[in-house]
Amino acid sequence: NSALILASSPIFVAIFGALFKIERLSVLAWIGIVLSFVGIAFVIFGNAPLEEAGKSNLLGDVLTLGAAIAWGAYTILVAPVVKHHSPIRVSAISIMFGTIPLVLLATPTFLTLDWSKVGLNSWLGVLYSGGLAIALGYVLWNRGVRHIGSARTAVYSNLIPVLAAIIAFFVRGDALTIYHLIGAVVILAGIALTRMGRTEVTVEIEPEPIEG
């Protein structure tokens, strides 16, 4: 579910790009955006049978959708920054400021947790998440934004649902439903239409007259 919903981040990159007048969206692009949201709805509300078993994923789906929106905004807003600063420096600052609210939220748990029961696998998971998925991931993403732009970099997030589904199926044994399949196809189709209907805004500069 999370992987499919996060795959919608290029849609939010397009929306924020239009809001900040970085690019224009045609009718085709807006159709693609609406189509992607329909796909997200399939993924989120396709878990109705799980609700009967008391295992509703609605809250997690909504939080993940919020993450996709935030990531889309970040990808647009960081573009002018990485043009003038190192991707490593930008990543370090992003992670530093992002860590502060996370620590505040986690402090109550830190105080009540029995640290003696935290095993080696948990610490390895922390190292993997912090060192690779977050630190290295941010650096590579910001380098991509710097060299090829926000829109083209965001498209690579379409690989997330494919890789996540394969890994989840073989490693965790997670089941894939028809809702996941329909949602994935609709989301990716919407993203494709959005990509075809977007044009970058170029600022025309009138040449100054030459005196003499």
C-alpha atoms as a PDB file:
ATOM      1  CA  ASN A   1       0.000   0.000   0.000  1.00  0.00           C
ATOM      2  CA  SER A   2       2.665   2.496   1.029  1.00  0.00           C
ATOM      3  CA  ALA A   3       4.774   1.835  -2.056  1.00  0.00           C
ATOM      4  CA  LEU A   4       1.846   2.344  -4.420  1.00  0.00           C
ATOM      5  CA  ILE A   5       0.747   5.545  -2.692  1.00  0.00           C
ATOM      6  CA  LEU A   6       4.300   6.930  -2.584  1.00  0.00           C
ATOM      7  CA  ALA A   7       4.491   6.326  -6.329  1.00  0.00           C
ATOM      8  CA  SER A   8       2.103   9.260  -6.678  1.00  0.00           C
ATOM      9  CA  SER A   9       4.810  11.752  -5.620  1.00  0.00           C
ATOM     10  CA  PRO A  10       5.527  12.804  -9.275  1.00  0.00           C
ATOM     11  CA  ILE A  11       1.900  13.942  -9.428  1.00  0.00           C
ATOM     12  CA  PHE A  12       2.445  16.269  -6.483  1.00  0.00           C
ATOM     13  CA  VAL A  13       5.704  17.468  -8.037  1.00  0.00           C
ATOM     14  CA  ALA A  14       3.631  18.466 -11.082  1.00  0.00           C
ATOM     15  CA  ILE A  15       0.987  20.183  -8.948  1.00  0.00           C
ATOM     16  CA  PHE A  16       3.532  22.152  -6.903  1.00  0.00           C
ATOM     17  CA  GLY A  17       5.438  22.980 -10.075  1.00  0.00           C
ATOM     18  CA  ALA A  18       2.248  24.524 -11.472  1.00  0.00           C
ATOM     19  CA  LEU A  19       1.488  26.374  -8.217  1.00  0.00           C
ATOM     20  CA  PHE A  20       4.973  27.888  -8.118  1.00  0.00           C
ATOM     21  CA  LYS A  21       4.752  28.645 -11.857  1.00  0.00           C
ATOM     22  CA  ILE A  22       7.727  26.447 -12.682  1.00  0.00           C
ATOM     23  CA  GLU A  23       5.795  24.618 -15.379  1.00  0.00           C
ATOM     24  CA  ARG A  24       2.402  24.664 -17.065  1.00  0.00           C
ATOM     25  CA  LEU A  25      -0.118  21.825 -16.967  1.00  0.00           C
ATOM     26  CA  SER A  26      -2.312  21.136 -19.960  1.00  0.00           C
ATOM     27  CA  VAL A  27      -5.753  19.520 -19.905  1.00  0.00           C
ATOM     28  CA  LEU A  28      -4.055  16.177 -20.556  1.00  0.00           C
ATOM     29  CA  ALA A  29      -1.866  16.638 -17.483  1.00  0.00           C
ATOM     30  CA  TRP A  30      -4.859  17.438 -15.264  1.00  0.00           C
ATOM     31  CA  ILE A  31      -6.635  14.337 -16.570  1.00  0.00           C
ATOM     32  CA  GLY A  32      -3.562  12.352 -15.583  1.00  0.00           C
ATOM     33  CA  ILE A  33      -3.592  13.892 -12.100  1.00  0.00           C
ATOM     34  CA  VAL A  34      -7.256  13.000 -11.577  1.00  0.00           C
ATOM     35  CA  LEU A  35      -6.592   9.496 -12.894  1.00  0.00           C
ATOM     36  CA  SER A  36      -3.728   9.031 -10.434  1.00  0.00           C
ATOM     37  CA  PHE A  37      -5.933  10.025  -7.521  1.00  0.00           C
ATOM     38  CA  VAL A  38      -8.485   7.459  -8.689  1.00  0.00           C
ATOM     39  CA  GLY A  39      -5.705   4.862  -8.568  1.00  0.00           C
ATOM     40  CA  ILE A  40      -4.755   5.954  -5.051  1.00  0.00           C
ATOM     41  CA  ALA A  41      -8.394   5.579  -4.017  1.00  0.00           C
ATOM     42  CA  PHE A  42      -8.382   2.006  -5.347  1.00  0.00           C
ATOM     43  CA  VAL A  43      -5.369   1.185  -3.194  1.00  0.00           C
ATOM     44  CA  ILE A  44      -6.695   2.885  -0.054  1.00  0.00           C
ATOM     45  CA  PHE A  45     -10.329   1.802  -0.144  1.00  0.00           C
ATOM     46  CA  GLY A  46      -9.577  -1.588  -1.635  1.00  0.00           C
ATOM     47  CA  ASN A  47      -8.793  -2.806   1.873  1.00  0.00           C
ATOM     48  CA  ALA A  48     -12.439  -2.825   2.954  1.00  0.00           C
ATOM     49  CA  PRO A  49     -12.377  -6.603   3.652  1.00  0.00           C
ATOM     50  CA  LEU A  50      -9.517  -6.018   6.110  1.00  0.00           C
ATOM     51  CA  GLU A  51     -11.611  -3.523   8.057  1.00  0.00           C
ATOM     52  CA  GLU A  52     -14.047  -6.277   8.927  1.00  0.00           C
ATOM     53  CA  ALA A  53     -11.181  -8.179  10.528  1.00  0.00           C
ATOM     54  CA  GLY A  54     -10.171  -5.122  12.538  1.00  0.00           C
ATOM     55  CA  LYS A  55      -7.063  -4.540  10.444  1.00  0.00           C
ATOM     56  CA  SER A  56      -7.938  -1.322   8.662  1.00  0.00           C
ATOM     57  CA  ASN A  57      -4.988   0.389   6.977  1.00  0.00           C
ATOM     58  CA  LEU A  58      -6.819   3.694   6.453  1.00  0.00           C
ATOM     59  CA  LEU A  59      -4.769   5.743   8.948  1.00  0.00           C
ATOM     60  CA  GLY A  60      -1.499   4.412   7.570  1.00  0.00           C
ATOM     61  CA  ASP A  61      -2.646   5.083   4.000  1.00  0.00           C
ATOM     62  CA  VAL A  62      -3.563   8.684   4.839  1.00  0.00           C
ATOM     63  CA  LEU A  63      -0.226   9.254   6.579  1.00  0.00           C
ATOM     64  CA  THR A  64       1.615   7.793   3.592  1.00  0.00           C
ATOM     65  CA  LEU A  65      -0.339  10.056   1.241  1.00  0.00           C
ATOM     66  CA  GLY A  66       0.749  12.997   3.404  1.00  0.00           C
ATOM     67  CA  ALA A  67       4.343  11.810   3.040  1.00  0.00           C
ATOM     68  CA  ALA A  68       3.977  11.720  -0.758  1.00  0.00           C
ATOM     69  CA  ILE A  69       2.652  15.296  -0.729  1.00  0.00           C
ATOM     70  CA  ALA A  70       5.510  16.460   1.509  1.00  0.00           C
ATOM     71  CA  TRP A  71       8.075  14.693  -0.676  1.00  0.00           C
ATOM     72  CA  GLY A  72       6.648  16.310  -3.795  1.00  0.00           C
ATOM     73  CA  ALA A  73       6.920  19.754  -2.179  1.00  0.00           C
ATOM     74  CA  TYR A  74      10.479  19.034  -1.036  1.00  0.00           C
ATOM     75  CA  THR A  75      11.553  17.917  -4.512  1.00  0.00           C
ATOM     76  CA  ILE A  76      10.292  21.173  -6.036  1.00  0.00           C
ATOM     77  CA  LEU A  77      11.584  23.510  -3.322  1.00  0.00           C
ATOM     78  CA  VAL A  78      15.043  21.926  -3.090  1.00  0.00           C
ATOM     79  CA  ALA A  79      15.760  22.349  -6.825  1.00  0.00           C
ATOM     80  CA  PRO A  80      16.984  25.989  -6.693  1.00  0.00           C
ATOM     81  CA  VAL A  81      18.953  25.258  -3.516  1.00  0.00           C
ATOM     82  CA  VAL A  82      21.029  22.377  -4.910  1.00  0.00           C
ATOM     83  CA  LYS A  83      21.990  24.528  -7.895  1.00  0.00           C
ATOM     84  CA  HIS A  84      24.062  26.717  -5.576  1.00  0.00           C
ATOM     85  CA  HIS A  85      25.013  24.301  -2.790  1.00  0.00           C
ATOM     86  CA  SER A  86      26.466  20.807  -2.557  1.00  0.00           C
ATOM     87  CA  PRO A  87      23.875  17.969  -2.505  1.00  0.00           C
ATOM     88  CA  ILE A  88      25.714  16.542   0.516  1.00  0.00           C
ATOM     89  CA  ARG A  89      25.394  19.823   2.430  1.00  0.00           C
ATOM     90  CA  VAL A  90      21.713  20.193   1.489  1.00  0.00           C
ATOM     91  CA  SER A  91      21.034  16.593   2.521  1.00  0.00           C
ATOM     92  CA  ALA A  92      22.802  17.085   5.856  1.00  0.00           C
ATOM     93  CA  ILE A  93      20.773  20.190   6.644  1.00  0.00           C
ATOM     94  CA  SER A  94      17.510  18.517   5.597  1.00  0.00           C
ATOM     95  CA  ILE A  95      18.171  15.475   7.753  1.00  0.00           C
ATOM     96  CA  MET A  96      19.313  17.586  10.711  1.00  0.00           C
ATOM     97  CA  PHE A  97      16.170  19.716  10.789  1.00  0.00           C
ATOM     98  CA  GLY A  98      13.973  16.714  10.013  1.00  0.00           C
ATOM     99  CA  THR A  99      15.443  14.787  12.934  1.00  0.00           C
ATOM    100  CA  ILE A 100      14.422  17.388  15.528  1.00  0.00           C
ATOM    101  CA  PRO A 101      10.625  16.804  15.393  1.00  0.00           C
ATOM    102  CA  LEU A 102      11.162  13.043  15.120  1.00  0.00           C
ATOM    103  CA  VAL A 103      13.237  13.011  18.316  1.00  0.00           C
ATOM    104  CA  LEU A 104      10.596  15.093  20.099  1.00  0.00           C
ATOM    105  CA  LEU A 105       7.859  12.684  19.035  1.00  0.00           C
ATOM    106  CA  ALA A 106       9.923   9.639  19.993  1.00  0.00           C
ATOM    107  CA  THR A 107      11.144  10.906  23.381  1.00  0.00           C
ATOM    108  CA  PRO A 108       8.234   9.418  25.395  1.00  0.00           C
ATOM    109  CA  THR A 109       8.969   6.019  23.860  1.00  0.00           C
ATOM    110  CA  PHE A 110      12.694   6.359  24.507  1.00  0.00           C
ATOM    111  CA  LEU A 111      12.000   6.966  28.194  1.00  0.00           C
ATOM    112  CA  THR A 112       9.774   3.902  28.628  1.00  0.00           C
ATOM    113  CA  LEU A 113      11.536   1.457  26.311  1.00  0.00           C
ATOM    114  CA  ASP A 114      13.359  -1.527  27.778  1.00  0.00           C
ATOM    115  CA  TRP A 115      16.617  -1.106  25.859  1.00  0.00           C
ATOM    116  CA  SER A 116      17.906  -4.500  26.992  1.00  0.00           C
ATOM    117  CA  LYS A 117      15.326  -6.138  24.715  1.00  0.00           C
ATOM    118  CA  VAL A 118      16.492  -4.303  21.604  1.00  0.00           C
ATOM    119  CA  GLY A 119      18.292  -6.978  19.580  1.00  0.00           C
ATOM    120  CA  LEU A 120      21.089  -6.861  17.019  1.00  0.00           C
ATOM    121  CA  ASN A 121      18.674  -6.984  14.068  1.00  0.00           C
ATOM    122  CA  SER A 122      16.959  -3.843  15.336  1.00  0.00           C
ATOM    123  CA  TRP A 123      20.257  -1.942  15.546  1.00  0.00           C
ATOM    124  CA  LEU A 124      21.251  -3.178  12.088  1.00  0.00           C
ATOM    125  CA  GLY A 125      17.890  -1.914  10.833  1.00  0.00           C
ATOM    126  CA  VAL A 126      18.607   1.496  12.335  1.00  0.00           C
ATOM    127  CA  LEU A 127      22.033   1.620  10.667  1.00  0.00           C
ATOM    128  CA  TYR A 128      20.589   0.548   7.320  1.00  0.00           C
ATOM    129  CA  SER A 129      17.738   3.073   7.484  1.00  0.00           C
ATOM    130  CA  GLY A 130      19.907   5.952   8.674  1.00  0.00           C
ATOM    131  CA  GLY A 131      23.017   5.315   6.603  1.00  0.00           C
ATOM    132  CA  LEU A 132      21.617   3.999   3.332  1.00  0.00           C
ATOM    133  CA  ALA A 133      17.889   4.609   2.946  1.00  0.00           C
ATOM    134  CA  ILE A 134      18.008   8.129   4.424  1.00  0.00           C
ATOM    135  CA  ALA A 135      21.510   9.636   4.255  1.00  0.00           C
ATOM    136  CA  LEU A 136      22.729   8.092   0.990  1.00  0.00           C
ATOM    137  CA  GLY A 137      19.216   8.189  -0.478  1.00  0.00           C
ATOM    138  CA  TYR A 138      18.908  11.930   0.157  1.00  0.00           C
ATOM    139  CA  VAL A 139      22.309  12.651  -1.366  1.00  0.00           C
ATOM    140  CA  LEU A 140      21.576  10.668  -4.531  1.00  0.00           C
ATOM    141  CA  TRP A 141      18.101  12.191  -4.849  1.00  0.00           C
ATOM    142  CA  ASN A 142      19.401  15.752  -4.465  1.00  0.00           C
ATOM    143  CA  ARG A 143      22.172  15.077  -6.972  1.00  0.00           C
ATOM    144  CA  GLY A 144      19.514  13.869  -9.394  1.00  0.00           C
ATOM    145  CA  VAL A 145      17.440  17.026  -8.850  1.00  0.00           C
ATOM    146  CA  ARG A 146      20.558  19.130  -9.395  1.00  0.00           C
ATOM    147  CA  HIS A 147      21.558  17.500 -12.678  1.00  0.00           C
ATOM    148  CA  ILE A 148      18.255  16.562 -14.368  1.00  0.00           C
ATOM    149  CA  GLY A 149      15.637  18.616 -12.515  1.00  0.00           C
ATOM    150  CA  SER A 150      12.767  17.898 -10.128  1.00  0.00           C
ATOM    151  CA  ALA A 151      10.285  16.487 -12.627  1.00  0.00           C
ATOM    152  CA  ARG A 152      12.607  13.953 -14.273  1.00  0.00           C
ATOM    153  CA  THR A 153      14.028  12.834 -10.924  1.00  0.00           C
ATOM    154  CA  ALA A 154      10.562  12.322  -9.440  1.00  0.00           C
ATOM    155  CA  VAL A 155       9.657   9.904 -12.227  1.00  0.00           C
ATOM    156  CA  TYR A 156      12.187   7.410 -10.874  1.00  0.00           C
ATOM    157  CA  SER A 157      10.010   6.995  -7.774  1.00  0.00           C
ATOM    158  CA  ASN A 158       7.710   4.982 -10.053  1.00  0.00           C
ATOM    159  CA  LEU A 159      10.116   2.092  -9.463  1.00  0.00           C
ATOM    160  CA  ILE A 160       9.213   2.053  -5.751  1.00  0.00           C
ATOM    161  CA  PRO A 161       5.964   0.042  -6.042  1.00  0.00           C
ATOM    162  CA  VAL A 162       7.530  -2.474  -8.407  1.00  0.00           C
ATOM    163  CA  LEU A 163      10.542  -3.169  -6.186  1.00  0.00           C
ATOM    164  CA  ALA A 164       8.493  -3.038  -2.968  1.00  0.00           C
ATOM    165  CA  ALA A 165       5.913  -5.494  -4.290  1.00  0.00           C
ATOM    166  CA  ILE A 166       8.600  -7.961  -5.396  1.00  0.00           C
ATOM    167  CA  ILE A 167      10.533  -7.746  -2.121  1.00  0.00           C
ATOM    168  CA  ALA A 168       7.387  -7.851   0.049  1.00  0.00           C
ATOM    169  CA  PHE A 169       6.070 -10.893  -1.815  1.00  0.00           C
ATOM    170  CA  PHE A 170       9.265 -12.949  -1.606  1.00  0.00           C
ATOM    171  CA  VAL A 171      10.600 -11.783   1.779  1.00  0.00           C
ATOM    172  CA  ARG A 172       7.473 -11.102   3.813  1.00  0.00           C
ATOM    173  CA  GLY A 173       4.892 -13.154   1.946  1.00  0.00           C
ATOM    174  CA  ASP A 174       2.601 -10.122   1.558  1.00  0.00           C
ATOM    175  CA  ALA A 175      -0.396 -10.821  -0.639  1.00  0.00           C
ATOM    176  CA  LEU A 176      -1.194  -8.718  -3.692  1.00  0.00           C
ATOM    177  CA  THR A 177      -4.882  -8.064  -4.360  1.00  0.00           C
ATOM    178  CA  ILE A 178      -6.713  -7.066  -7.526  1.00  0.00           C
ATOM    179  CA  TYR A 179      -7.084  -3.595  -5.972  1.00  0.00           C
ATOM    180  CA  HIS A 180      -3.313  -3.228  -5.803  1.00  0.00           C
ATOM    181  CA  LEU A 181      -3.000  -4.246  -9.452  1.00  0.00           C
ATOM    182  CA  ILE A 182      -5.737  -1.903 -10.669  1.00  0.00           C
ATOM    183  CA  GLY A 183      -4.440   0.929  -8.499  1.00  0.00           C
ATOM    184  CA  ALA A 184      -0.876   0.487  -9.773  1.00  0.00           C
ATOM    185  CA  VAL A 185      -1.935   0.499 -13.423  1.00  0.00           C
ATOM    186  CA  VAL A 186      -4.178   3.543 -12.986  1.00  0.00           C
ATOM    187  CA  ILE A 187      -1.567   5.500 -10.988  1.00  0.00           C
ATOM    188  CA  LEU A 188       1.192   4.824 -13.512  1.00  0.00           C
ATOM    189  CA  ALA A 189      -1.135   5.660 -16.423  1.00  0.00           C
ATOM    190  CA  GLY A 190      -2.015   8.935 -14.736  1.00  0.00           C
ATOM    191  CA  ILE A 191       1.643   9.776 -14.199  1.00  0.00           C
ATOM    192  CA  ALA A 192       2.382   9.036 -17.878  1.00  0.00           C
ATOM    193  CA  LEU A 193      -0.405  11.395 -18.995  1.00  0.00           C
ATOM    194  CA  THR A 194       0.792  14.060 -16.582  1.00  0.00           C
ATOM    195  CA  ARG A 195       4.326  13.812 -17.949  1.00  0.00           C
ATOM    196  CA  MET A 196       3.061  14.230 -21.530  1.00  0.00           C
ATOM    197  CA  GLY A 197       0.985  17.266 -20.594  1.00  0.00           C
ATOM    198  CA  ARG A 198       3.650  19.299 -18.797  1.00  0.00           C
ATOM    199  CA  THR A 199       5.807  22.073 -20.216  1.00  0.00           C
ATOM    200  CA  GLU A 200       8.440  24.063 -18.369  1.00  0.00           C
ATOM    201  CA  VAL A 201       7.910  27.786 -18.021  1.00  0.00           C
ATOM    202  CA  THR A 202      10.656  29.743 -19.724  1.00  0.00           C
ATOM    203  CA  VAL A 203      11.223  33.379 -18.974  1.00  0.00           C
ATOM    204  CA  GLU A 204      11.904  35.417 -22.075  1.00  0.00           C
ATOM    205  CA  ILE A 205      14.455  38.182 -21.573  1.00  0.00           C
ATOM    206  CA  GLU A 206      14.289  41.053 -24.016  1.00  0.00           C
ATOM    207  CA  PRO A 207      17.708  42.108 -25.286  1.00  0.00           C
ATOM    208  CA  GLU A 208      18.830  45.526 -24.121  1.00  0.00           C
ATOM    209  CA  PRO A 209      19.486  48.062 -26.859  1.00  0.00           C
ATOM    210  CA  ILE A 210      23.122  48.686 -27.663  1.00  0.00           C
ATOM    211  CA  GLU A 211      24.011  52.329 -27.357  1.00  0.00           C
ATOM    212  CA  GLY A 212      26.098  53.908 -30.004  1.00  0.00           C
END
